[in-house]
């Protein structure tokens, strides 16, 4: 039996974590082990085509094939990750059959209408294989490509998000400058095939957490607005698993108002002691450099098209 894309059903293998910075009541859940977990970056802020592979965990896209340079991908201030995991099906185990089952999800869709589509075509990623789309939150650098992705998939597909992802938003600066942020149009995405599943508990800040066999938790964030340390601690509290294998995604430490929390965040990351850290998107250069300086053995450089296998 293939793993369901319904939120509650898939939680046995992988769950979508609606982060709560302050935990009042924790109901611990058993997060079943999966055999492997892969994250392919379809969009991020950085592209570097000269980065080397680091097998078996880090595979970079080809730059040259058949004596020709391949089309270059694009990077933008946005995020999108293809999530794939494999596990033995419980029914198969009962029948003494150990054929592995794979599932594919898309986390976020970037900041431009067609950036994710463009990169997916370059990397040979068939988005029609995606079983569900997960929106970490409703900010435009994570949702703008959704319509194009739905058009490419061209069938009914579940879109998992918080109700607040549809809110009207403004960005307002201290000097009074402001701008209306692009928003999700629920009717429009439903017309393009979205079956909207709203996760109403907690806030509009979702992460993906997987329990990888013999390794521990792998956590994938969009921006981590609730705080990357809060995200890690909440995942540990929910699952009862303290071993963190990898944290990938935006840590939201860029920009002047966040720089004061870089150092305490670094100290808490050292205390959490993940095997790998892959800071992406809104982590920022200053925070990333501090991770490199303090935890060089854990750091993996992000780049559009990179596949991380755990």
Foldseek 3Di string as FASTA:
>chain_A
DAQAPDQVRNQQFKHKDQFDLDDDDADADARHAFAKKKKAWLEFQFADQPDDADPPFKDFDHQDDPNDGADDADYDLATKIKMKTKHADPVCVVVVHGDIHMAIEMEFAAQAQCRSVVSCVRLVNQLLRHQAYEYQAQANRGHNNLLVSLLSNQEAHEYEFAPRSQDWDKDADPVGDIDTTDGDDVVSSVVSRYDYDHDHPHDRGIWMWGQHPPAGIEIEGAACPSAPLSVLVSVCRRHVTLAAAEYAYHRQQDDDVRVVCLVVNLVSCVVSDHQAYEHTNRNDDVSLVVCCVPPVRRYDYDHRRMMGMD
